Amino acid sequence: MIRNSILPLAATALLTAAAAAQNCTDNQYRLHLVDQHGVPAPTFLDPVTNETTYQFATEAVYLAFDPLLPSGTYYVHVTDPIGGADMVLSRNDPMDRFVAVTNTAGVITLSLPYTNNQTPAVFGLGLNGQGQSILLQPFGTNPAEPCRFKAWFGDDWDLSNGPENPYLLRGGFSTTLGRCAVRSYSPFRIGDGTGSDVAGELFRDDDRDGSRDPGEPGLAGWTVRLVTGSTSVTALTDGTGRYVFADVAAASYTVELTLQSGFVLTTAGQYAIEVCGCANVAVGDFGVAAEVLRCEGHTIGFWRNCRGLHLVQQHNILPTLPGLFLRNFCGHHVAPGSLWSLRCYLQGANSVNMAYMLSAQLLAMHNNVMVGFVDPNCRIRSTRLGNITVAELMQRAILSLMAHGFTPPWSPHRAEQTLLKNALDDANNNRNWL
């Protein structure tokens, strides 16, 4: 028993001697904290810890690796300063904390070998603009030590206690690696702890490329929501397209744009953000463009030929016709029930009874909408009717036909129906689209 107990002690002594021989120290490869362009953040001497500490104005904190760092896979995370609550503050997927470093003659390039995300962490420029750095967001904050953090990376880790163990990176001599482990860390602070404003902008993306170019204006009066859990608050964009949520408490949020009718998104419609309550948070731009509507009318003649009649059958349009209140020569309510009767109805249309001619133009437009040639939100230009949508024009025609089925030349309602008929005729012939 005495001899066996000596063996572990001897092994420990050998490892200690090996570590000493290797001169294992932390921060052999310095950790640099930079902005997205690779510019190192300013530093100050923290009077509390007596450590040189990086200072950031926003949460956009990037970690740049030392140009002498060997290629390999490193684990990266953010904690509180350690020595207090000892918390892991990283809020990203733990698999995104494994970073593959390739060092080519001092130029660092990065990848995430185990990521599960389609949109993983963002890479910025490396130290002084050379190579790449990795964004440390998202991370939370420790209420007991708000706005004070420590960034870490290393190549020897123990995840047996889970990724929320702040001590999972091991220093000193690594029996796993057979050499000194790499472990580097640096404190940093964000803002001054006076709170976070969350702000961003909405712009009209005229070229639909997802980024704001010179001359693309902001849009006013749009609603943006800041959502956390089951609660949300709203803000409106101002004349420049900017919105602000003031004094937002530390938490995880999504920022969501309420899309207005007639527009489509050219960027993401919502962004996930982490607010530490230390400094202002900039949200990615929202970009929108006017919806491209299909406004391609087809005439009465098209809808009575073989191609048009085939589409009527294919889209099962005949059962929808009673709701149009179509009128015939005598002013009676009709609804063609076969392709043959539909063809005859359109072929016989004339303006002796203006309600009949209005009905034929309405029927042609109804078919255009049903098969997708014309979006009901397409707008027409009319001096008398104003700039109205196809849906509004059709509704006015239906109401007129419901009320006035027979409008011969002496009818007081003929002029109104002539105006509606002409507007529909122009749209079916693609002459009055806005």
Protein backbone atom coordinates (compact mmCIF):
# COMPACT_ATOMS: atom_id res chain seq x y z
CA MET A 1 0.00 0.00 0.00
CA ILE A 2 2.84 2.38 0.80
CA ARG A 3 4.61 1.62 -2.48
CA ASN A 4 1.39 2.19 -4.52
CA SER A 5 0.72 5.57 -2.91
CA ILE A 6 4.16 6.75 -3.92
CA LEU A 7 3.42 6.24 -7.65
CA PRO A 8 0.80 9.00 -8.07
CA LEU A 9 2.96 11.36 -6.08
CA ALA A 10 5.88 10.58 -8.34
CA ALA A 11 3.74 11.10 -11.45
CA THR A 12 2.53 14.43 -10.13
CA ALA A 13 6.07 15.47 -9.40
CA LEU A 14 7.11 14.55 -12.93
CA LEU A 15 4.23 16.58 -14.43
CA THR A 16 5.07 19.52 -12.22
CA ALA A 17 8.67 19.31 -13.28
CA ALA A 18 7.60 19.04 -16.93
CA ALA A 19 5.34 22.08 -16.57
CA ALA A 20 8.14 24.04 -14.96
CA ALA A 21 10.53 22.92 -17.69
CA GLN A 22 8.01 24.01 -20.29
CA ASN A 23 7.58 27.35 -18.48
CA CYS A 24 3.79 27.12 -18.86
CA THR A 25 2.21 30.53 -18.49
CA ASP A 26 -1.10 32.07 -19.41
CA ASN A 27 -1.32 34.80 -22.03
CA GLN A 28 1.72 33.55 -23.92
CA TYR A 29 -0.30 34.46 -27.03
CA ARG A 30 -1.97 37.74 -26.27
CA LEU A 31 -5.68 38.18 -26.75
CA HIS A 32 -6.60 41.39 -28.62
CA LEU A 33 -10.04 43.00 -28.51
CA VAL A 34 -10.83 45.08 -31.59
CA ASP A 35 -13.68 46.61 -33.56
CA GLN A 36 -14.99 45.08 -36.80
CA HIS A 37 -12.19 46.79 -38.73
CA GLY A 38 -9.47 45.27 -36.57
CA VAL A 39 -8.66 48.49 -34.71
CA PRO A 40 -7.77 47.76 -31.06
CA ALA A 41 -10.14 49.29 -28.54
CA PRO A 42 -8.72 51.89 -26.14
CA THR A 43 -7.56 50.64 -22.77
CA PHE A 44 -7.45 52.00 -19.22
CA LEU A 45 -6.08 50.81 -15.90
CA ASP A 46 -9.02 49.48 -13.90
CA PRO A 47 -8.62 50.84 -10.35
CA VAL A 48 -10.63 47.93 -8.93
CA THR A 49 -8.51 45.11 -10.37
CA ASN A 50 -5.36 47.03 -11.31
CA GLU A 51 -5.58 45.36 -14.75
CA THR A 52 -5.26 46.90 -18.18
CA THR A 53 -8.81 46.78 -19.48
CA TYR A 54 -10.30 47.34 -22.91
CA GLN A 55 -13.09 49.94 -23.16
CA PHE A 56 -15.91 49.65 -25.74
CA ALA A 57 -18.72 52.08 -26.50
CA THR A 58 -21.01 49.34 -27.87
CA GLU A 59 -21.44 45.58 -27.62
CA ALA A 60 -19.71 45.07 -30.99
CA VAL A 61 -16.64 43.43 -29.42
CA TYR A 62 -14.38 41.32 -31.67
CA LEU A 63 -11.60 38.99 -30.54
CA ALA A 64 -8.44 39.03 -32.68
CA PHE A 65 -5.80 36.36 -32.19
CA ASP A 66 -2.07 36.92 -31.86
CA PRO A 67 -0.25 36.67 -35.21
CA LEU A 68 2.12 34.12 -33.59
CA LEU A 69 -0.69 31.81 -32.40
CA PRO A 70 -0.29 28.27 -33.78
CA SER A 71 -3.01 26.92 -36.04
CA GLY A 72 -5.53 24.75 -34.22
CA THR A 73 -8.97 24.65 -32.65
CA TYR A 74 -9.63 26.99 -29.73
CA TYR A 75 -12.57 27.48 -27.38
CA VAL A 76 -13.77 31.09 -27.02
CA HIS A 77 -16.20 32.46 -24.46
CA VAL A 78 -17.04 35.45 -22.26
CA THR A 79 -17.41 35.46 -18.48
CA ASP A 80 -17.81 38.05 -15.79
CA PRO A 81 -14.47 39.33 -14.35
CA ILE A 82 -14.15 36.14 -12.21
CA GLY A 83 -13.74 36.40 -8.47
CA GLY A 84 -17.34 37.44 -7.88
CA ALA A 85 -20.37 35.58 -9.21
CA ASP A 86 -18.17 33.63 -11.70
CA MET A 87 -20.66 33.36 -14.57
CA VAL A 88 -20.41 32.43 -18.24
CA LEU A 89 -22.08 35.33 -20.03
CA SER A 90 -21.85 34.01 -23.61
CA ARG A 91 -25.32 33.56 -25.10
CA ASN A 92 -24.36 31.99 -28.42
CA ASP A 93 -24.66 28.32 -29.35
CA PRO A 94 -21.91 26.47 -27.42
CA MET A 95 -20.89 24.74 -30.65
CA ASP A 96 -20.07 28.17 -32.09
CA ARG A 97 -17.51 28.66 -29.33
CA PHE A 98 -15.13 26.24 -31.05
CA VAL A 99 -13.07 28.31 -33.47
CA ALA A 100 -10.65 26.81 -35.99
CA VAL A 101 -7.63 29.08 -36.44
CA THR A 102 -5.41 28.86 -39.51
CA ASN A 103 -2.21 30.86 -39.26
CA THR A 104 -0.56 31.52 -42.62
CA ALA A 105 2.64 33.51 -42.14
CA GLY A 106 1.02 35.54 -39.39
CA VAL A 107 -2.33 36.08 -41.14
CA ILE A 108 -5.17 34.52 -39.14
CA THR A 109 -8.23 33.07 -40.87
CA LEU A 110 -11.13 31.55 -38.94
CA SER A 111 -13.94 29.05 -39.31
CA LEU A 112 -16.47 27.36 -37.04
CA PRO A 113 -15.94 23.62 -37.46
CA TYR A 114 -18.89 22.44 -35.36
CA THR A 115 -21.53 25.10 -35.97
CA ASN A 116 -25.19 24.11 -36.16
CA ASN A 117 -26.30 27.52 -37.38
CA GLN A 118 -27.07 28.75 -40.88
CA THR A 119 -26.06 32.24 -39.75
CA PRO A 120 -23.19 31.68 -37.31
CA ALA A 121 -21.05 34.29 -35.61
CA VAL A 122 -19.82 37.19 -37.69
CA PHE A 123 -16.17 37.55 -38.62
CA GLY A 124 -14.52 40.96 -38.70
CA LEU A 125 -11.03 41.99 -39.71
CA GLY A 126 -8.11 40.73 -37.66
CA LEU A 127 -5.62 42.78 -35.72
CA ASN A 128 -4.85 46.01 -37.58
CA GLY A 129 -6.92 44.87 -40.55
CA GLN A 130 -4.98 41.65 -41.26
CA GLY A 131 -6.87 38.36 -41.39
CA GLN A 132 -10.02 37.79 -39.37
CA SER A 133 -11.46 38.31 -35.90
CA ILE A 134 -14.62 36.84 -34.36
CA LEU A 135 -17.59 38.70 -32.89
CA LEU A 136 -18.15 37.84 -29.22
CA GLN A 137 -21.82 38.82 -29.22
CA PRO A 138 -24.28 37.83 -27.99
CA PHE A 139 -23.50 37.93 -24.30
CA GLY A 140 -25.44 38.87 -21.20
CA THR A 141 -24.37 40.77 -18.12
CA ASN A 142 -23.89 40.04 -14.44
CA PRO A 143 -26.18 42.39 -12.45
CA ALA A 144 -23.71 42.38 -9.56
CA GLU A 145 -20.90 43.64 -11.83
CA PRO A 146 -22.71 45.28 -14.73
CA CYS A 147 -20.75 46.12 -17.86
CA ARG A 148 -17.56 44.32 -16.77
CA PHE A 149 -16.47 41.21 -18.66
CA LYS A 150 -13.57 38.92 -19.43
CA ALA A 151 -12.87 37.31 -22.82
CA TRP A 152 -11.11 33.93 -22.96
CA PHE A 153 -9.68 31.48 -25.45
CA GLY A 154 -7.71 28.28 -25.05
CA ASP A 155 -6.97 24.89 -26.59
CA ASP A 156 -7.48 22.62 -23.56
CA TRP A 157 -11.01 22.45 -22.22
CA ASP A 158 -13.08 20.27 -19.94
CA LEU A 159 -16.78 20.28 -20.78
CA SER A 160 -17.74 17.53 -18.34
CA ASN A 161 -19.52 20.16 -16.20
CA GLY A 162 -21.17 21.78 -19.21
CA PRO A 163 -20.49 24.93 -21.23
CA GLU A 164 -21.72 27.20 -18.42
CA ASN A 165 -18.75 26.29 -16.24
CA PRO A 166 -16.57 29.44 -16.21
CA TYR A 167 -13.45 27.40 -15.39
CA LEU A 168 -13.63 24.95 -18.29
CA LEU A 169 -10.46 26.28 -19.95
CA ARG A 170 -7.41 24.67 -18.38
CA GLY A 171 -3.99 26.26 -18.14
CA GLY A 172 -0.56 24.93 -17.31
CA PHE A 173 0.84 21.65 -18.64
CA SER A 174 -1.79 19.61 -20.48
CA THR A 175 -1.56 15.85 -20.14
CA THR A 176 -4.00 15.60 -23.02
CA LEU A 177 -1.86 17.69 -25.35
CA GLY A 178 1.50 16.67 -23.91
CA ARG A 179 2.60 20.29 -23.75
CA CYS A 180 1.66 23.62 -22.24
CA ALA A 181 -1.96 24.51 -22.84
CA VAL A 182 -2.72 27.79 -24.53
CA ARG A 183 -4.92 29.96 -22.35
CA SER A 184 -5.33 33.71 -22.78
CA TYR A 185 -7.79 36.20 -21.33
CA SER A 186 -8.39 39.89 -21.05
CA PRO A 187 -10.91 42.06 -19.20
CA PHE A 188 -13.08 44.57 -21.00
CA ARG A 189 -15.80 47.02 -20.13
CA ILE A 190 -18.72 48.31 -22.18
CA GLY A 191 -20.16 51.79 -21.77
CA ASP A 192 -20.56 53.42 -18.42
CA GLY A 193 -23.47 51.44 -17.02
CA THR A 194 -26.02 54.22 -17.54
CA GLY A 195 -28.28 52.04 -19.70
CA SER A 196 -28.88 51.01 -23.28
CA ASP A 197 -30.77 52.69 -26.09
CA VAL A 198 -31.70 50.28 -28.89
CA ALA A 199 -31.79 52.04 -32.25
CA GLY A 200 -31.82 51.32 -35.96
CA GLU A 201 -33.05 52.57 -39.30
CA LEU A 202 -35.54 51.71 -42.02
CA PHE A 203 -34.78 52.61 -45.62
CA ARG A 204 -36.35 52.24 -49.06
CA ASP A 205 -34.16 49.78 -50.91
CA ASP A 206 -34.60 51.03 -54.45
CA ASP A 207 -32.15 48.56 -56.02
CA ARG A 208 -33.33 45.70 -53.79
CA ASP A 209 -29.81 44.62 -52.88
CA GLY A 210 -30.37 44.43 -49.10
CA SER A 211 -27.99 47.26 -48.20
CA ARG A 212 -28.45 51.01 -47.97
CA ASP A 213 -26.84 52.95 -50.80
CA PRO A 214 -26.43 56.72 -51.19
CA GLY A 215 -29.71 58.33 -52.16
CA GLU A 216 -31.94 55.60 -50.71
CA PRO A 217 -34.21 57.48 -48.28
CA GLY A 218 -35.46 56.58 -44.85
CA LEU A 219 -39.16 55.90 -44.37
CA ALA A 220 -41.20 57.65 -41.69
CA GLY A 221 -44.19 56.44 -39.71
CA TRP A 222 -43.45 52.71 -39.71
CA THR A 223 -43.93 50.61 -36.58
CA VAL A 224 -41.05 48.68 -35.02
CA ARG A 225 -41.56 46.32 -32.06
CA LEU A 226 -39.11 45.40 -29.31
CA VAL A 227 -40.14 41.99 -28.02
CA THR A 228 -39.03 39.93 -25.05
CA GLY A 229 -40.96 36.96 -23.71
CA SER A 230 -44.65 37.80 -23.86
CA THR A 231 -44.24 41.59 -23.74
CA SER A 232 -43.42 44.15 -26.39
CA VAL A 233 -43.18 47.91 -26.89
CA THR A 234 -43.41 49.84 -30.15
CA ALA A 235 -41.69 52.82 -31.70
CA LEU A 236 -42.29 54.76 -34.92
CA THR A 237 -39.62 55.66 -37.42
CA ASP A 238 -38.95 59.38 -37.83
CA GLY A 239 -38.44 61.41 -41.00
CA THR A 240 -35.02 59.85 -41.57
CA GLY A 241 -36.23 56.31 -40.96
CA ARG A 242 -34.62 56.12 -37.52
CA TYR A 243 -36.29 54.60 -34.44
CA VAL A 244 -35.11 54.44 -30.80
CA PHE A 245 -36.12 52.42 -27.75
CA ALA A 246 -34.70 54.33 -24.80
CA ASP A 247 -33.25 52.89 -21.57
CA VAL A 248 -33.80 49.23 -22.41
CA ALA A 249 -33.17 46.81 -19.56
CA ALA A 250 -30.64 43.99 -19.87
CA ALA A 251 -32.27 40.94 -21.55
CA SER A 252 -32.60 39.06 -24.83
CA TYR A 253 -34.89 40.71 -27.39
CA THR A 254 -36.04 40.57 -30.97
CA VAL A 255 -36.58 43.77 -32.94
CA GLU A 256 -39.35 43.33 -35.50
CA LEU A 257 -40.55 45.52 -38.35
CA THR A 258 -44.30 45.67 -39.04
CA LEU A 259 -44.46 45.44 -42.82
CA GLN A 260 -46.90 47.80 -44.49
CA SER A 261 -49.15 46.84 -47.38
CA GLY A 262 -47.61 47.29 -50.81
CA PHE A 263 -44.03 46.61 -49.68
CA VAL A 264 -41.74 43.60 -49.46
CA LEU A 265 -38.67 43.08 -47.28
CA THR A 266 -35.21 43.14 -48.85
CA THR A 267 -33.49 42.43 -45.52
CA ALA A 268 -34.36 40.38 -42.46
CA GLY A 269 -37.70 41.35 -40.93
CA GLN A 270 -36.45 40.85 -37.38
CA TYR A 271 -33.16 40.78 -35.51
CA ALA A 272 -32.24 38.99 -32.28
CA ILE A 273 -30.22 41.18 -29.94
CA GLU A 274 -28.72 40.89 -26.48
CA VAL A 275 -28.84 44.03 -24.34
CA CYS A 276 -26.36 44.24 -21.50
CA GLY A 277 -27.70 47.54 -20.17
CA CYS A 278 -24.27 49.09 -20.48
CA ALA A 279 -24.17 50.87 -23.82
CA ASN A 280 -26.34 51.62 -26.81
CA VAL A 281 -27.16 48.75 -29.16
CA ALA A 282 -27.28 49.29 -32.92
CA VAL A 283 -29.74 47.06 -34.77
CA GLY A 284 -29.22 45.98 -38.36
CA ASP A 285 -30.99 48.10 -40.97
CA PHE A 286 -34.44 47.18 -42.19
CA GLY A 287 -34.82 47.52 -45.96
CA VAL A 288 -38.07 47.45 -47.91
CA ALA A 289 -39.06 47.95 -51.53
CA ALA A 290 -42.34 48.58 -53.27
CA GLU A 291 -44.07 45.32 -54.00
CA VAL A 292 -43.82 44.34 -57.65
CA LEU A 293 -47.36 43.53 -58.67
CA ARG A 294 -48.30 41.68 -61.80
CA CYS A 295 -50.56 44.01 -63.79
CA GLU A 296 -51.00 42.29 -67.14
CA GLY A 297 -54.54 42.67 -68.43
CA HIS A 298 -56.15 40.48 -71.10
CA THR A 299 -59.11 41.64 -73.17
CA ILE A 300 -62.63 40.36 -73.77
CA GLY A 301 -61.35 38.90 -77.04
CA PHE A 302 -58.75 36.82 -75.20
CA TRP A 303 -61.29 35.40 -72.76
CA ARG A 304 -63.60 34.19 -75.51
CA ASN A 305 -60.86 32.40 -77.50
CA CYS A 306 -59.63 28.87 -76.88
CA ARG A 307 -56.67 29.86 -74.70
CA GLY A 308 -58.78 32.04 -72.44
CA LEU A 309 -61.59 29.48 -72.16
CA HIS A 310 -59.04 26.80 -71.27
CA LEU A 311 -57.81 28.98 -68.37
CA VAL A 312 -61.38 29.55 -67.20
CA GLN A 313 -61.85 25.80 -67.01
CA GLN A 314 -58.44 25.16 -65.45
CA HIS A 315 -59.05 27.68 -62.65
CA ASN A 316 -62.71 26.68 -62.14
CA ILE A 317 -63.93 30.23 -62.62
CA LEU A 318 -67.51 29.56 -63.78
CA PRO A 319 -68.87 28.87 -60.24
CA THR A 320 -67.61 32.30 -59.11
CA LEU A 321 -69.55 34.31 -61.71
CA PRO A 322 -72.92 34.73 -59.91
CA GLY A 323 -71.30 37.12 -57.42
CA LEU A 324 -70.46 39.59 -60.20
CA PHE A 325 -74.15 40.42 -60.92
CA LEU A 326 -73.54 40.32 -64.67
CA ARG A 327 -76.31 41.73 -66.87
CA ASN A 328 -77.43 40.77 -70.37
CA PHE A 329 -78.93 42.83 -73.19
CA CYS A 330 -82.27 43.05 -71.40
CA GLY A 331 -80.76 43.86 -68.02
CA HIS A 332 -81.37 40.43 -66.47
CA HIS A 333 -78.92 38.97 -63.96
CA VAL A 334 -77.02 36.15 -65.68
CA ALA A 335 -74.12 33.81 -64.86
CA PRO A 336 -72.80 31.72 -67.76
CA GLY A 337 -72.61 28.10 -66.64
CA SER A 338 -70.62 26.61 -69.50
CA LEU A 339 -67.65 27.60 -71.61
CA TRP A 340 -69.90 27.85 -74.66
CA SER A 341 -72.39 30.17 -72.96
CA LEU A 342 -69.49 32.26 -71.61
CA ARG A 343 -68.06 32.64 -75.09
CA CYS A 344 -71.45 33.63 -76.52
CA TYR A 345 -72.03 36.10 -73.67
CA LEU A 346 -68.75 37.89 -74.30
CA GLN A 347 -69.15 37.82 -78.08
CA GLY A 348 -72.60 39.43 -77.90
CA ALA A 349 -71.64 42.21 -75.51
CA ASN A 350 -72.64 45.71 -76.71
CA SER A 351 -73.35 49.10 -75.20
CA VAL A 352 -77.00 49.49 -76.15
CA ASN A 353 -77.47 48.43 -72.54
CA MET A 354 -74.34 49.90 -70.96
CA ALA A 355 -74.74 47.51 -68.03
CA TYR A 356 -74.12 44.63 -70.48
CA MET A 357 -70.89 46.17 -71.77
CA LEU A 358 -69.75 47.00 -68.23
CA SER A 359 -70.49 43.40 -67.26
CA ALA A 360 -68.32 42.04 -70.07
CA GLN A 361 -65.36 44.24 -69.09
CA LEU A 362 -65.86 43.31 -65.42
CA LEU A 363 -65.94 39.62 -66.34
CA ALA A 364 -62.68 39.94 -68.28
CA MET A 365 -60.98 41.65 -65.33
CA HIS A 366 -62.38 39.09 -62.91
CA ASN A 367 -60.78 36.34 -65.01
CA ASN A 368 -57.49 38.26 -65.10
CA VAL A 369 -57.46 38.39 -61.31
CA MET A 370 -58.53 34.78 -60.83
CA VAL A 371 -55.71 33.34 -62.96
CA GLY A 372 -53.07 35.73 -61.58
CA PHE A 373 -52.57 38.01 -64.60
CA VAL A 374 -53.58 41.01 -62.49
CA ASP A 375 -53.03 41.54 -58.78
CA PRO A 376 -56.11 43.12 -57.17
CA ASN A 377 -53.79 45.71 -55.58
CA CYS A 378 -52.66 47.01 -58.99
CA ARG A 379 -53.60 50.68 -59.30
CA ILE A 380 -55.12 52.46 -62.27
CA ARG A 381 -54.86 56.11 -63.22
CA SER A 382 -58.21 57.82 -63.89
CA THR A 383 -58.98 61.54 -64.07
CA ARG A 384 -62.57 61.02 -62.96
CA LEU A 385 -62.21 58.05 -60.60
CA GLY A 386 -58.83 58.94 -59.08
CA ASN A 387 -55.96 56.53 -58.60
CA ILE A 388 -57.70 53.41 -57.32
CA THR A 389 -56.94 49.71 -57.07
CA VAL A 390 -58.39 47.08 -59.36
CA ALA A 391 -60.23 45.63 -56.36
CA GLU A 392 -61.88 49.00 -55.67
CA LEU A 393 -62.79 49.48 -59.33
CA MET A 394 -64.36 46.03 -59.56
CA GLN A 395 -66.34 46.58 -56.39
CA ARG A 396 -67.74 49.86 -57.73
CA ALA A 397 -68.73 48.10 -60.95
CA ILE A 398 -70.50 45.29 -59.06
CA LEU A 399 -72.44 47.73 -56.89
CA SER A 400 -73.51 49.68 -59.98
CA LEU A 401 -74.69 46.50 -61.72
CA MET A 402 -76.58 45.38 -58.62
CA ALA A 403 -78.45 48.71 -58.50
CA HIS A 404 -78.84 49.45 -62.22
CA GLY A 405 -79.15 46.44 -64.50
CA PHE A 406 -80.59 48.26 -67.52
CA THR A 407 -78.96 51.50 -68.63
CA PRO A 408 -80.00 52.39 -72.19
CA PRO A 409 -79.01 55.77 -73.73
CA TRP A 410 -81.70 57.66 -71.80
CA SER A 411 -80.79 56.16 -68.39
CA PRO A 412 -79.48 58.68 -65.81
CA HIS A 413 -77.04 55.99 -64.59
CA ARG A 414 -75.49 55.34 -67.98
CA ALA A 415 -72.71 57.95 -67.59
CA GLU A 416 -71.46 56.39 -64.36
CA GLN A 417 -71.38 52.93 -65.91
CA THR A 418 -69.65 54.25 -69.01
CA LEU A 419 -66.92 55.70 -66.81
CA LEU A 420 -66.45 52.36 -65.00
CA LYS A 421 -66.57 50.43 -68.27
CA ASN A 422 -63.90 52.63 -69.86
CA ALA A 423 -61.60 52.26 -66.83
CA LEU A 424 -61.93 48.47 -66.92
CA ASP A 425 -61.48 48.41 -70.70
CA ASP A 426 -58.27 50.48 -70.41
CA ALA A 427 -56.94 48.16 -67.68
CA ASN A 428 -57.77 45.03 -69.67
CA ASN A 429 -55.80 46.63 -72.53
CA ASN A 430 -52.95 47.74 -70.18
CA ARG A 431 -53.42 51.43 -70.91
CA ASN A 432 -53.91 52.97 -67.46
CA TRP A 433 -51.64 51.26 -64.93
CA LEU A 434 -49.79 53.46 -62.49
